[in-house]
Amino acid sequence: MRKLLFVLFLPFSLMAEPNISDGKLLYGESCAKCHGTEYYQGLGMSEPNDIIELTHWVDTCSQHFNLDWNDQDIEDTTYYINREFFQLDR
């Protein structure tokens, strides 16, 4: 049973902590032209309820605009946006 739990949680333990600097760079390059830099323009959407919803937004935008982002890029950008604009609980 311990081996099974180890294998199931291994991918989560391998993910690096969010890198806010990388998230800021990615946001500036790919998101700011639509969503702004001084305050977040939701483009008609209400604010996210939690970090999971915000992550879904970032992932959806990255796919819609065919950004070549990996999971770490999405996480970095999500945590940057959260820190700068929303301050949602993790």
N, C-alpha and C. Protein backbone atom coordinates (compact mmCIF):
# COMPACT_ATOMS: atom_id res chain seq x y z
N MET A 1 0.82 -1.19 0.00
CA MET A 1 0.00 0.00 0.00
C MET A 1 0.87 1.26 0.00
N ARG A 2 1.95 1.25 0.77
CA ARG A 2 2.83 2.42 0.81
C ARG A 2 3.43 2.69 -0.56
N LYS A 3 3.81 1.63 -1.27
CA LYS A 3 4.37 1.82 -2.62
C LYS A 3 3.35 2.47 -3.53
N LEU A 4 2.10 2.05 -3.44
CA LEU A 4 1.04 2.61 -4.27
C LEU A 4 0.87 4.10 -3.98
N LEU A 5 0.82 4.47 -2.71
CA LEU A 5 0.69 5.88 -2.35
C LEU A 5 1.89 6.68 -2.83
N PHE A 6 3.08 6.11 -2.70
CA PHE A 6 4.28 6.79 -3.15
C PHE A 6 4.21 7.06 -4.66
N VAL A 7 3.81 6.06 -5.42
CA VAL A 7 3.72 6.20 -6.87
C VAL A 7 2.64 7.21 -7.25
N LEU A 8 1.52 7.21 -6.54
CA LEU A 8 0.44 8.14 -6.86
C LEU A 8 0.82 9.58 -6.59
N PHE A 9 1.58 9.84 -5.54
CA PHE A 9 1.91 11.21 -5.17
C PHE A 9 3.26 11.66 -5.68
N LEU A 10 4.01 10.81 -6.31
CA LEU A 10 5.33 11.16 -6.82
C LEU A 10 5.28 12.33 -7.80
N PRO A 11 4.38 12.36 -8.78
CA PRO A 11 4.38 13.50 -9.71
C PRO A 11 4.18 14.84 -9.01
N PHE A 12 3.37 14.88 -7.95
CA PHE A 12 3.14 16.14 -7.25
C PHE A 12 4.39 16.57 -6.50
N SER A 13 5.14 15.62 -5.98
CA SER A 13 6.34 15.97 -5.23
C SER A 13 7.45 16.44 -6.16
N LEU A 14 7.40 16.06 -7.42
CA LEU A 14 8.44 16.45 -8.37
C LEU A 14 8.22 17.86 -8.92
N MET A 15 7.00 18.37 -8.84
CA MET A 15 6.74 19.71 -9.35
C MET A 15 7.44 20.73 -8.46
N ALA A 16 8.06 21.68 -9.09
CA ALA A 16 8.76 22.72 -8.35
C ALA A 16 7.74 23.69 -7.75
N GLU A 17 8.20 24.42 -6.77
CA GLU A 17 7.38 25.48 -6.20
C GLU A 17 7.13 26.52 -7.30
N PRO A 18 6.02 27.23 -7.22
CA PRO A 18 5.77 28.27 -8.22
C PRO A 18 6.87 29.32 -8.20
N ASN A 19 7.28 29.76 -9.38
CA ASN A 19 8.30 30.78 -9.52
C ASN A 19 7.60 32.08 -9.94
N ILE A 20 7.45 32.98 -9.00
CA ILE A 20 6.72 34.22 -9.23
C ILE A 20 7.40 35.06 -10.31
N SER A 21 8.72 35.07 -10.35
CA SER A 21 9.44 35.86 -11.37
C SER A 21 9.13 35.35 -12.77
N ASP A 22 9.14 34.02 -12.94
CA ASP A 22 8.79 33.46 -14.24
C ASP A 22 7.34 33.75 -14.59
N GLY A 23 6.45 33.66 -13.58
CA GLY A 23 5.03 33.97 -13.80
C GLY A 23 4.82 35.40 -14.24
N LYS A 24 5.57 36.32 -13.64
CA LYS A 24 5.48 37.73 -14.02
C LYS A 24 5.93 37.93 -15.46
N LEU A 25 7.02 37.28 -15.84
CA LEU A 25 7.52 37.37 -17.20
C LEU A 25 6.51 36.82 -18.20
N LEU A 26 5.98 35.63 -17.92
CA LEU A 26 4.99 35.01 -18.82
C LEU A 26 3.73 35.86 -18.91
N TYR A 27 3.27 36.38 -17.78
CA TYR A 27 2.09 37.25 -17.79
C TYR A 27 2.35 38.48 -18.65
N GLY A 28 3.51 39.10 -18.46
CA GLY A 28 3.85 40.30 -19.24
C GLY A 28 3.92 40.03 -20.72
N GLU A 29 4.45 38.89 -21.11
CA GLU A 29 4.59 38.55 -22.53
C GLU A 29 3.28 38.12 -23.17
N SER A 30 2.41 37.45 -22.42
CA SER A 30 1.26 36.79 -23.06
C SER A 30 -0.11 37.21 -22.56
N CYS A 31 -0.19 37.82 -21.39
CA CYS A 31 -1.51 38.09 -20.79
C CYS A 31 -1.82 39.57 -20.65
N ALA A 32 -0.80 40.37 -20.37
CA ALA A 32 -1.00 41.77 -20.00
C ALA A 32 -1.65 42.59 -21.10
N LYS A 33 -1.41 42.24 -22.36
CA LYS A 33 -1.99 43.04 -23.44
C LYS A 33 -3.52 43.01 -23.42
N CYS A 34 -4.11 41.95 -22.91
CA CYS A 34 -5.57 41.85 -22.78
C CYS A 34 -6.05 42.15 -21.36
N HIS A 35 -5.29 41.70 -20.37
CA HIS A 35 -5.76 41.76 -18.99
C HIS A 35 -5.17 42.90 -18.17
N GLY A 36 -4.20 43.62 -18.71
CA GLY A 36 -3.66 44.79 -18.03
C GLY A 36 -2.54 44.47 -17.05
N THR A 37 -1.89 45.55 -16.59
CA THR A 37 -0.79 45.40 -15.64
C THR A 37 -1.07 46.11 -14.31
N GLU A 38 -1.85 47.16 -14.34
CA GLU A 38 -2.14 47.91 -13.11
C GLU A 38 -3.25 47.25 -12.30
N TYR A 39 -4.23 46.73 -12.96
CA TYR A 39 -5.30 45.96 -12.33
C TYR A 39 -5.74 44.92 -13.32
N TYR A 40 -6.36 43.86 -12.85
CA TYR A 40 -6.74 42.75 -13.71
C TYR A 40 -8.07 43.03 -14.37
N GLN A 41 -8.10 43.02 -15.69
CA GLN A 41 -9.34 43.20 -16.44
C GLN A 41 -9.86 41.82 -16.81
N GLY A 42 -10.96 41.43 -16.21
CA GLY A 42 -11.50 40.10 -16.40
C GLY A 42 -12.21 39.88 -17.71
N LEU A 43 -12.36 40.91 -18.51
CA LEU A 43 -13.00 40.81 -19.81
C LEU A 43 -14.40 40.22 -19.71
N GLY A 44 -15.17 40.74 -18.75
CA GLY A 44 -16.56 40.31 -18.60
C GLY A 44 -16.78 39.14 -17.67
N MET A 45 -15.71 38.58 -17.12
CA MET A 45 -15.85 37.44 -16.20
C MET A 45 -15.78 37.94 -14.77
N SER A 46 -16.50 37.27 -13.89
CA SER A 46 -16.40 37.62 -12.47
C SER A 46 -15.08 37.09 -11.92
N GLU A 47 -14.71 37.53 -10.73
CA GLU A 47 -13.46 37.08 -10.13
C GLU A 47 -13.53 35.59 -9.83
N PRO A 48 -12.39 34.91 -9.88
CA PRO A 48 -12.38 33.48 -9.55
C PRO A 48 -12.68 33.26 -8.08
N ASN A 49 -13.27 32.13 -7.77
CA ASN A 49 -13.62 31.80 -6.39
C ASN A 49 -12.47 31.19 -5.61
N ASP A 50 -11.54 30.56 -6.32
CA ASP A 50 -10.42 29.90 -5.65
C ASP A 50 -9.28 29.71 -6.63
N ILE A 51 -8.17 29.23 -6.12
CA ILE A 51 -6.96 29.06 -6.93
C ILE A 51 -7.16 28.01 -8.03
N ILE A 52 -8.01 27.03 -7.78
CA ILE A 52 -8.28 26.00 -8.78
C ILE A 52 -8.98 26.62 -9.99
N GLU A 53 -9.94 27.48 -9.74
CA GLU A 53 -10.64 28.15 -10.84
C GLU A 53 -9.69 29.08 -11.60
N LEU A 54 -8.85 29.79 -10.89
CA LEU A 54 -7.87 30.67 -11.54
C LEU A 54 -6.91 29.86 -12.40
N THR A 55 -6.46 28.73 -11.90
CA THR A 55 -5.58 27.84 -12.68
C THR A 55 -6.27 27.39 -13.95
N HIS A 56 -7.55 27.07 -13.85
CA HIS A 56 -8.32 26.67 -15.03
C HIS A 56 -8.38 27.81 -16.05
N TRP A 57 -8.57 29.04 -15.58
CA TRP A 57 -8.59 30.19 -16.48
C TRP A 57 -7.26 30.32 -17.23
N VAL A 58 -6.17 30.24 -16.49
CA VAL A 58 -4.84 30.39 -17.11
C VAL A 58 -4.60 29.27 -18.12
N ASP A 59 -4.95 28.06 -17.76
CA ASP A 59 -4.79 26.92 -18.66
C ASP A 59 -5.64 27.10 -19.92
N THR A 60 -6.88 27.53 -19.75
CA THR A 60 -7.78 27.74 -20.89
C THR A 60 -7.23 28.81 -21.82
N CYS A 61 -6.76 29.91 -21.28
CA CYS A 61 -6.19 30.97 -22.12
C CYS A 61 -4.94 30.48 -22.84
N SER A 62 -4.09 29.73 -22.15
CA SER A 62 -2.87 29.26 -22.79
C SER A 62 -3.19 28.34 -23.97
N GLN A 63 -4.23 27.54 -23.83
CA GLN A 63 -4.65 26.66 -24.93
C GLN A 63 -5.31 27.46 -26.05
N HIS A 64 -6.17 28.41 -25.68
CA HIS A 64 -6.89 29.21 -26.68
C HIS A 64 -5.93 29.99 -27.58
N PHE A 65 -4.88 30.51 -26.99
CA PHE A 65 -3.92 31.31 -27.75
C PHE A 65 -2.71 30.49 -28.21
N ASN A 66 -2.82 29.16 -28.11
CA ASN A 66 -1.77 28.25 -28.58
C ASN A 66 -0.39 28.58 -28.02
N LEU A 67 -0.37 28.90 -26.73
CA LEU A 67 0.91 29.14 -26.07
C LEU A 67 1.54 27.78 -25.78
N ASP A 68 2.80 27.71 -25.92
CA ASP A 68 3.50 26.45 -25.67
C ASP A 68 3.91 26.38 -24.20
N TRP A 69 2.90 26.40 -23.32
CA TRP A 69 3.14 26.41 -21.89
C TRP A 69 3.02 25.01 -21.33
N ASN A 70 3.92 24.68 -20.42
CA ASN A 70 3.83 23.42 -19.70
C ASN A 70 3.12 23.68 -18.36
N ASP A 71 2.94 22.63 -17.57
CA ASP A 71 2.24 22.77 -16.29
C ASP A 71 2.93 23.76 -15.36
N GLN A 72 4.26 23.79 -15.39
CA GLN A 72 4.99 24.71 -14.52
C GLN A 72 4.74 26.16 -14.93
N ASP A 73 4.69 26.44 -16.23
CA ASP A 73 4.38 27.79 -16.71
C ASP A 73 3.00 28.24 -16.24
N ILE A 74 2.03 27.33 -16.33
CA ILE A 74 0.66 27.64 -15.90
C ILE A 74 0.64 27.91 -14.40
N GLU A 75 1.33 27.08 -13.64
CA GLU A 75 1.37 27.28 -12.19
C GLU A 75 2.07 28.59 -11.83
N ASP A 76 3.20 28.87 -12.46
CA ASP A 76 3.93 30.12 -12.18
C ASP A 76 3.06 31.34 -12.48
N THR A 77 2.40 31.33 -13.62
CA THR A 77 1.57 32.46 -14.01
C THR A 77 0.36 32.59 -13.10
N THR A 78 -0.25 31.48 -12.75
CA THR A 78 -1.40 31.50 -11.84
C THR A 78 -1.01 32.12 -10.51
N TYR A 79 0.11 31.71 -9.96
CA TYR A 79 0.51 32.22 -8.65
C TYR A 79 0.92 33.69 -8.73
N TYR A 80 1.49 34.11 -9.84
CA TYR A 80 1.79 35.54 -10.02
C TYR A 80 0.49 36.34 -10.06
N ILE A 81 -0.45 35.92 -10.88
CA ILE A 81 -1.73 36.63 -10.99
C ILE A 81 -2.43 36.67 -9.63
N ASN A 82 -2.42 35.57 -8.94
CA ASN A 82 -3.07 35.53 -7.63
C ASN A 82 -2.41 36.51 -6.66
N ARG A 83 -1.08 36.52 -6.63
CA ARG A 83 -0.38 37.41 -5.70
C ARG A 83 -0.63 38.88 -6.03
N GLU A 84 -0.61 39.21 -7.32
CA GLU A 84 -0.73 40.60 -7.73
C GLU A 84 -2.16 41.13 -7.72
N PHE A 85 -3.15 40.28 -8.02
CA PHE A 85 -4.49 40.78 -8.27
C PHE A 85 -5.58 40.23 -7.36
N PHE A 86 -5.50 38.99 -6.91
CA PHE A 86 -6.64 38.38 -6.23
C PHE A 86 -6.40 38.01 -4.76
N GLN A 87 -5.26 37.51 -4.40
CA GLN A 87 -4.94 37.06 -3.06
C GLN A 87 -5.91 35.98 -2.56
N LEU A 88 -6.16 34.99 -3.41
CA LEU A 88 -7.01 33.86 -3.04
C LEU A 88 -6.23 32.92 -2.14
N ASP A 89 -6.93 32.19 -1.29
CA ASP A 89 -6.29 31.18 -0.46
C ASP A 89 -5.78 30.05 -1.35
N ARG A 90 -4.66 29.48 -0.97
CA ARG A 90 -4.12 28.35 -1.72
C ARG A 90 -4.88 27.17 -1.30
